Amino acid sequence: MVKEISARSECPISYTLDFLGDKWTLLILRDMIFEGKSSYSEFLQADEKIATNILADRLVSLVESGFVTKAVMPDNKSKFVYSLTEKAIGLLPMLIEMMLWGSKYRDTEKNKELLKVLKSDKEKTIKGLVKILKKRINQSEKIG
């Protein structure tokens, strides 16, 4: 059972952290947004090596909080597919800023091309990514 989240204060940052304040939730959303991952087994393959019990807990929490939807895979009724919602896509600008900030202080090969494009035209790149993500939502609604 996922614990119920209640606001600790009226602060918008505190409210955001109530939902996204642990590292695993943002990393799952990162994998869905930037890598197109959508299944439990795909999330387990992340470099950070999330434990299975934590992954299961965070996926339930993401579904219950409205960031992700869960549906039975059409070709395998014993597995599930997870899809982003508009609420999750709304986090894209924040995740981009986190990515840019992190890349400023740690040089990495990960997402090098995306970072290059973001640095040249962040607004246009974000709009393009949002369009792709919304298209994924539409496709997943047709499946589920």
C-alpha atoms as a PDB file:
ATOM      1  CA  MET A   1       0.000   0.000   0.000  1.00  0.00           C
ATOM      2  CA  VAL A   2       1.373   3.382  -0.979  1.00  0.00           C
ATOM      3  CA  LYS A   3       1.372   5.997   1.758  1.00  0.00           C
ATOM      4  CA  GLU A   4      -1.007   8.880   1.314  1.00  0.00           C
ATOM      5  CA  ILE A   5       0.732  12.143   0.522  1.00  0.00           C
ATOM      6  CA  SER A   6      -0.451  15.210   2.374  1.00  0.00           C
ATOM      7  CA  ALA A   7       0.896  18.710   1.917  1.00  0.00           C
ATOM      8  CA  ARG A   8       3.266  19.816   4.658  1.00  0.00           C
ATOM      9  CA  SER A   9       2.867  23.493   3.861  1.00  0.00           C
ATOM     10  CA  GLU A  10       1.519  25.961   1.308  1.00  0.00           C
ATOM     11  CA  CYS A  11       4.951  26.242  -0.364  1.00  0.00           C
ATOM     12  CA  PRO A  12       4.867  25.146  -4.044  1.00  0.00           C
ATOM     13  CA  ILE A  13       8.384  23.673  -3.805  1.00  0.00           C
ATOM     14  CA  SER A  14       7.400  21.637  -0.753  1.00  0.00           C
ATOM     15  CA  TYR A  15       4.254  20.444  -2.562  1.00  0.00           C
ATOM     16  CA  THR A  16       6.339  19.341  -5.559  1.00  0.00           C
ATOM     17  CA  LEU A  17       8.784  17.526  -3.306  1.00  0.00           C
ATOM     18  CA  ASP A  18       5.905  15.697  -1.621  1.00  0.00           C
ATOM     19  CA  PHE A  19       5.392  13.895  -4.945  1.00  0.00           C
ATOM     20  CA  LEU A  20       8.848  13.936  -6.501  1.00  0.00           C
ATOM     21  CA  GLY A  21      11.213  14.261  -3.555  1.00  0.00           C
ATOM     22  CA  ASP A  22      12.953  10.916  -3.848  1.00  0.00           C
ATOM     23  CA  LYS A  23      15.550  10.144  -6.507  1.00  0.00           C
ATOM     24  CA  TRP A  24      13.792   7.066  -7.886  1.00  0.00           C
ATOM     25  CA  THR A  25      10.567   8.771  -8.953  1.00  0.00           C
ATOM     26  CA  LEU A  26      12.392  11.316 -11.089  1.00  0.00           C
ATOM     27  CA  LEU A  27      14.659   8.643 -12.571  1.00  0.00           C
ATOM     28  CA  ILE A  28      11.668   6.527 -13.618  1.00  0.00           C
ATOM     29  CA  LEU A  29      10.092   9.592 -15.223  1.00  0.00           C
ATOM     30  CA  ARG A  30      13.437  10.404 -16.856  1.00  0.00           C
ATOM     31  CA  ASP A  31      13.553   6.938 -18.397  1.00  0.00           C
ATOM     32  CA  MET A  32       9.986   7.254 -19.657  1.00  0.00           C
ATOM     33  CA  ILE A  33      10.474  10.756 -21.067  1.00  0.00           C
ATOM     34  CA  PHE A  34      13.951  10.585 -22.569  1.00  0.00           C
ATOM     35  CA  GLU A  35      14.371   6.871 -23.280  1.00  0.00           C
ATOM     36  CA  GLY A  36      10.797   5.804 -24.003  1.00  0.00           C
ATOM     37  CA  LYS A  37      10.808   3.045 -21.388  1.00  0.00           C
ATOM     38  CA  SER A  38       7.388   1.695 -20.511  1.00  0.00           C
ATOM     39  CA  SER A  39       7.739  -1.672 -18.779  1.00  0.00           C
ATOM     40  CA  TYR A  40       8.855  -2.906 -15.388  1.00  0.00           C
ATOM     41  CA  SER A  41      11.740  -4.884 -16.905  1.00  0.00           C
ATOM     42  CA  GLU A  42      12.954  -1.851 -18.861  1.00  0.00           C
ATOM     43  CA  PHE A  43      13.028   0.279 -15.702  1.00  0.00           C
ATOM     44  CA  LEU A  44      15.109  -2.385 -13.947  1.00  0.00           C
ATOM     45  CA  GLN A  45      17.803  -1.988 -16.631  1.00  0.00           C
ATOM     46  CA  ALA A  46      18.635   1.603 -15.626  1.00  0.00           C
ATOM     47  CA  ASP A  47      22.255   2.312 -14.706  1.00  0.00           C
ATOM     48  CA  GLU A  48      21.232   3.225 -11.149  1.00  0.00           C
ATOM     49  CA  LYS A  49      20.062  -0.350 -10.379  1.00  0.00           C
ATOM     50  CA  ILE A  50      16.771   0.290  -8.610  1.00  0.00           C
ATOM     51  CA  ALA A  51      15.633  -2.484  -6.257  1.00  0.00           C
ATOM     52  CA  THR A  52      12.515  -4.363  -7.378  1.00  0.00           C
ATOM     53  CA  ASN A  53      10.494  -3.470  -4.270  1.00  0.00           C
ATOM     54  CA  ILE A  54      11.300   0.229  -4.628  1.00  0.00           C
ATOM     55  CA  LEU A  55      10.449   0.164  -8.343  1.00  0.00           C
ATOM     56  CA  ALA A  56       7.102  -1.496  -7.664  1.00  0.00           C
ATOM     57  CA  ASP A  57       6.311   1.046  -4.928  1.00  0.00           C
ATOM     58  CA  ARG A  58       7.248   4.052  -7.067  1.00  0.00           C
ATOM     59  CA  LEU A  59       5.226   2.818 -10.057  1.00  0.00           C
ATOM     60  CA  VAL A  60       2.137   2.419  -7.862  1.00  0.00           C
ATOM     61  CA  SER A  61       2.721   5.898  -6.462  1.00  0.00           C
ATOM     62  CA  LEU A  62       3.157   7.411  -9.947  1.00  0.00           C
ATOM     63  CA  VAL A  63      -0.096   5.799 -11.090  1.00  0.00           C
ATOM     64  CA  GLU A  64      -2.021   6.858  -7.965  1.00  0.00           C
ATOM     65  CA  SER A  65      -0.665  10.412  -8.228  1.00  0.00           C
ATOM     66  CA  GLY A  66      -1.722  10.702 -11.874  1.00  0.00           C
ATOM     67  CA  PHE A  67       1.720  10.992 -13.464  1.00  0.00           C
ATOM     68  CA  VAL A  68       1.502   7.612 -15.189  1.00  0.00           C
ATOM     69  CA  THR A  69      -1.181   5.235 -16.404  1.00  0.00           C
ATOM     70  CA  LYS A  70      -0.951   1.455 -16.262  1.00  0.00           C
ATOM     71  CA  ALA A  71      -2.475  -0.951 -18.772  1.00  0.00           C
ATOM     72  CA  VAL A  72      -2.206  -4.636 -19.595  1.00  0.00           C
ATOM     73  CA  MET A  73       0.130  -5.302 -22.519  1.00  0.00           C
ATOM     74  CA  PRO A  74      -1.953  -6.357 -25.521  1.00  0.00           C
ATOM     75  CA  ASP A  75       0.422  -9.155 -26.520  1.00  0.00           C
ATOM     76  CA  ASN A  76       1.132 -10.454 -22.999  1.00  0.00           C
ATOM     77  CA  LYS A  77      -1.757 -10.270 -20.524  1.00  0.00           C
ATOM     78  CA  SER A  78       0.529 -11.013 -17.561  1.00  0.00           C
ATOM     79  CA  LYS A  79       2.616  -7.834 -18.070  1.00  0.00           C
ATOM     80  CA  PHE A  80       1.845  -4.144 -17.855  1.00  0.00           C
ATOM     81  CA  VAL A  81       2.781  -1.086 -19.855  1.00  0.00           C
ATOM     82  CA  TYR A  82       3.189   2.312 -18.214  1.00  0.00           C
ATOM     83  CA  SER A  83       2.465   5.549 -20.062  1.00  0.00           C
ATOM     84  CA  LEU A  84       3.020   9.201 -19.257  1.00  0.00           C
ATOM     85  CA  THR A  85       0.132  11.554 -18.611  1.00  0.00           C
ATOM     86  CA  GLU A  86      -0.148  15.276 -19.346  1.00  0.00           C
ATOM     87  CA  LYS A  87       0.752  15.849 -15.693  1.00  0.00           C
ATOM     88  CA  ALA A  88       4.077  14.053 -16.166  1.00  0.00           C
ATOM     89  CA  ILE A  89       4.799  15.824 -19.446  1.00  0.00           C
ATOM     90  CA  GLY A  90       4.370  19.094 -17.558  1.00  0.00           C
ATOM     91  CA  LEU A  91       7.556  18.188 -15.677  1.00  0.00           C
ATOM     92  CA  LEU A  92       9.660  18.267 -18.850  1.00  0.00           C
ATOM     93  CA  PRO A  93      10.923  21.866 -18.501  1.00  0.00           C
ATOM     94  CA  MET A  94      11.974  21.174 -14.903  1.00  0.00           C
ATOM     95  CA  LEU A  95      13.752  17.960 -15.890  1.00  0.00           C
ATOM     96  CA  ILE A  96      15.503  19.786 -18.729  1.00  0.00           C
ATOM     97  CA  GLU A  97      16.718  22.449 -16.294  1.00  0.00           C
ATOM     98  CA  MET A  98      17.962  19.740 -13.932  1.00  0.00           C
ATOM     99  CA  MET A  99      19.760  18.059 -16.831  1.00  0.00           C
ATOM    100  CA  LEU A 100      21.378  21.327 -17.925  1.00  0.00           C
ATOM    101  CA  TRP A 101      22.405  22.168 -14.368  1.00  0.00           C
ATOM    102  CA  GLY A 102      23.884  18.705 -13.812  1.00  0.00           C
ATOM    103  CA  SER A 103      25.785  18.800 -17.099  1.00  0.00           C
ATOM    104  CA  LYS A 104      27.292  22.148 -16.128  1.00  0.00           C
ATOM    105  CA  TYR A 105      28.982  20.566 -13.112  1.00  0.00           C
ATOM    106  CA  ARG A 106      29.591  17.036 -14.385  1.00  0.00           C
ATOM    107  CA  ASP A 107      30.847  16.319 -17.863  1.00  0.00           C
ATOM    108  CA  THR A 108      29.196  13.204 -19.247  1.00  0.00           C
ATOM    109  CA  GLU A 109      28.606  11.448 -22.534  1.00  0.00           C
ATOM    110  CA  LYS A 110      25.009  10.672 -21.538  1.00  0.00           C
ATOM    111  CA  ASN A 111      22.497  12.753 -23.534  1.00  0.00           C
ATOM    112  CA  LYS A 112      25.342  14.687 -25.181  1.00  0.00           C
ATOM    113  CA  GLU A 113      23.371  15.339 -28.381  1.00  0.00           C
ATOM    114  CA  LEU A 114      20.239  16.409 -26.517  1.00  0.00           C
ATOM    115  CA  LEU A 115      22.277  18.756 -24.340  1.00  0.00           C
ATOM    116  CA  LYS A 116      23.893  20.287 -27.423  1.00  0.00           C
ATOM    117  CA  VAL A 117      20.492  20.944 -29.035  1.00  0.00           C
ATOM    118  CA  LEU A 118      19.072  22.299 -25.762  1.00  0.00           C
ATOM    119  CA  LYS A 119      21.938  24.733 -25.388  1.00  0.00           C
ATOM    120  CA  SER A 120      21.381  26.072 -28.901  1.00  0.00           C
ATOM    121  CA  ASP A 121      17.559  26.429 -28.737  1.00  0.00           C
ATOM    122  CA  LYS A 122      16.016  25.212 -25.492  1.00  0.00           C
ATOM    123  CA  GLU A 123      12.486  26.485 -26.130  1.00  0.00           C
ATOM    124  CA  LYS A 124      12.167  24.902 -29.574  1.00  0.00           C
ATOM    125  CA  THR A 125      13.648  21.625 -28.318  1.00  0.00           C
ATOM    126  CA  ILE A 126      11.225  21.456 -25.387  1.00  0.00           C
ATOM    127  CA  LYS A 127       8.264  22.125 -27.692  1.00  0.00           C
ATOM    128  CA  GLY A 128       9.442  19.327 -29.986  1.00  0.00           C
ATOM    129  CA  LEU A 129       9.846  16.898 -27.094  1.00  0.00           C
ATOM    130  CA  VAL A 130       6.393  17.763 -25.728  1.00  0.00           C
ATOM    131  CA  LYS A 131       4.908  17.050 -29.155  1.00  0.00           C
ATOM    132  CA  ILE A 132       6.617  13.627 -29.257  1.00  0.00           C
ATOM    133  CA  LEU A 133       5.487  12.780 -25.712  1.00  0.00           C
ATOM    134  CA  LYS A 134       1.881  13.784 -26.401  1.00  0.00           C
ATOM    135  CA  LYS A 135       1.941  11.592 -29.494  1.00  0.00           C
ATOM    136  CA  ARG A 136       3.035   8.685 -27.250  1.00  0.00           C
ATOM    137  CA  ILE A 137       0.044   9.382 -24.979  1.00  0.00           C
ATOM    138  CA  ASN A 138      -2.293   9.195 -27.964  1.00  0.00           C
ATOM    139  CA  GLN A 139      -0.711   5.925 -29.110  1.00  0.00           C
ATOM    140  CA  SER A 140      -0.950   4.370 -25.649  1.00  0.00           C
ATOM    141  CA  GLU A 141      -4.632   5.366 -25.384  1.00  0.00           C
ATOM    142  CA  LYS A 142      -5.310   3.433 -28.587  1.00  0.00           C
ATOM    143  CA  ILE A 143      -3.583   0.338 -27.139  1.00  0.00           C
ATOM    144  CA  GLY A 144      -5.123   0.544 -23.641  1.00  0.00           C
END
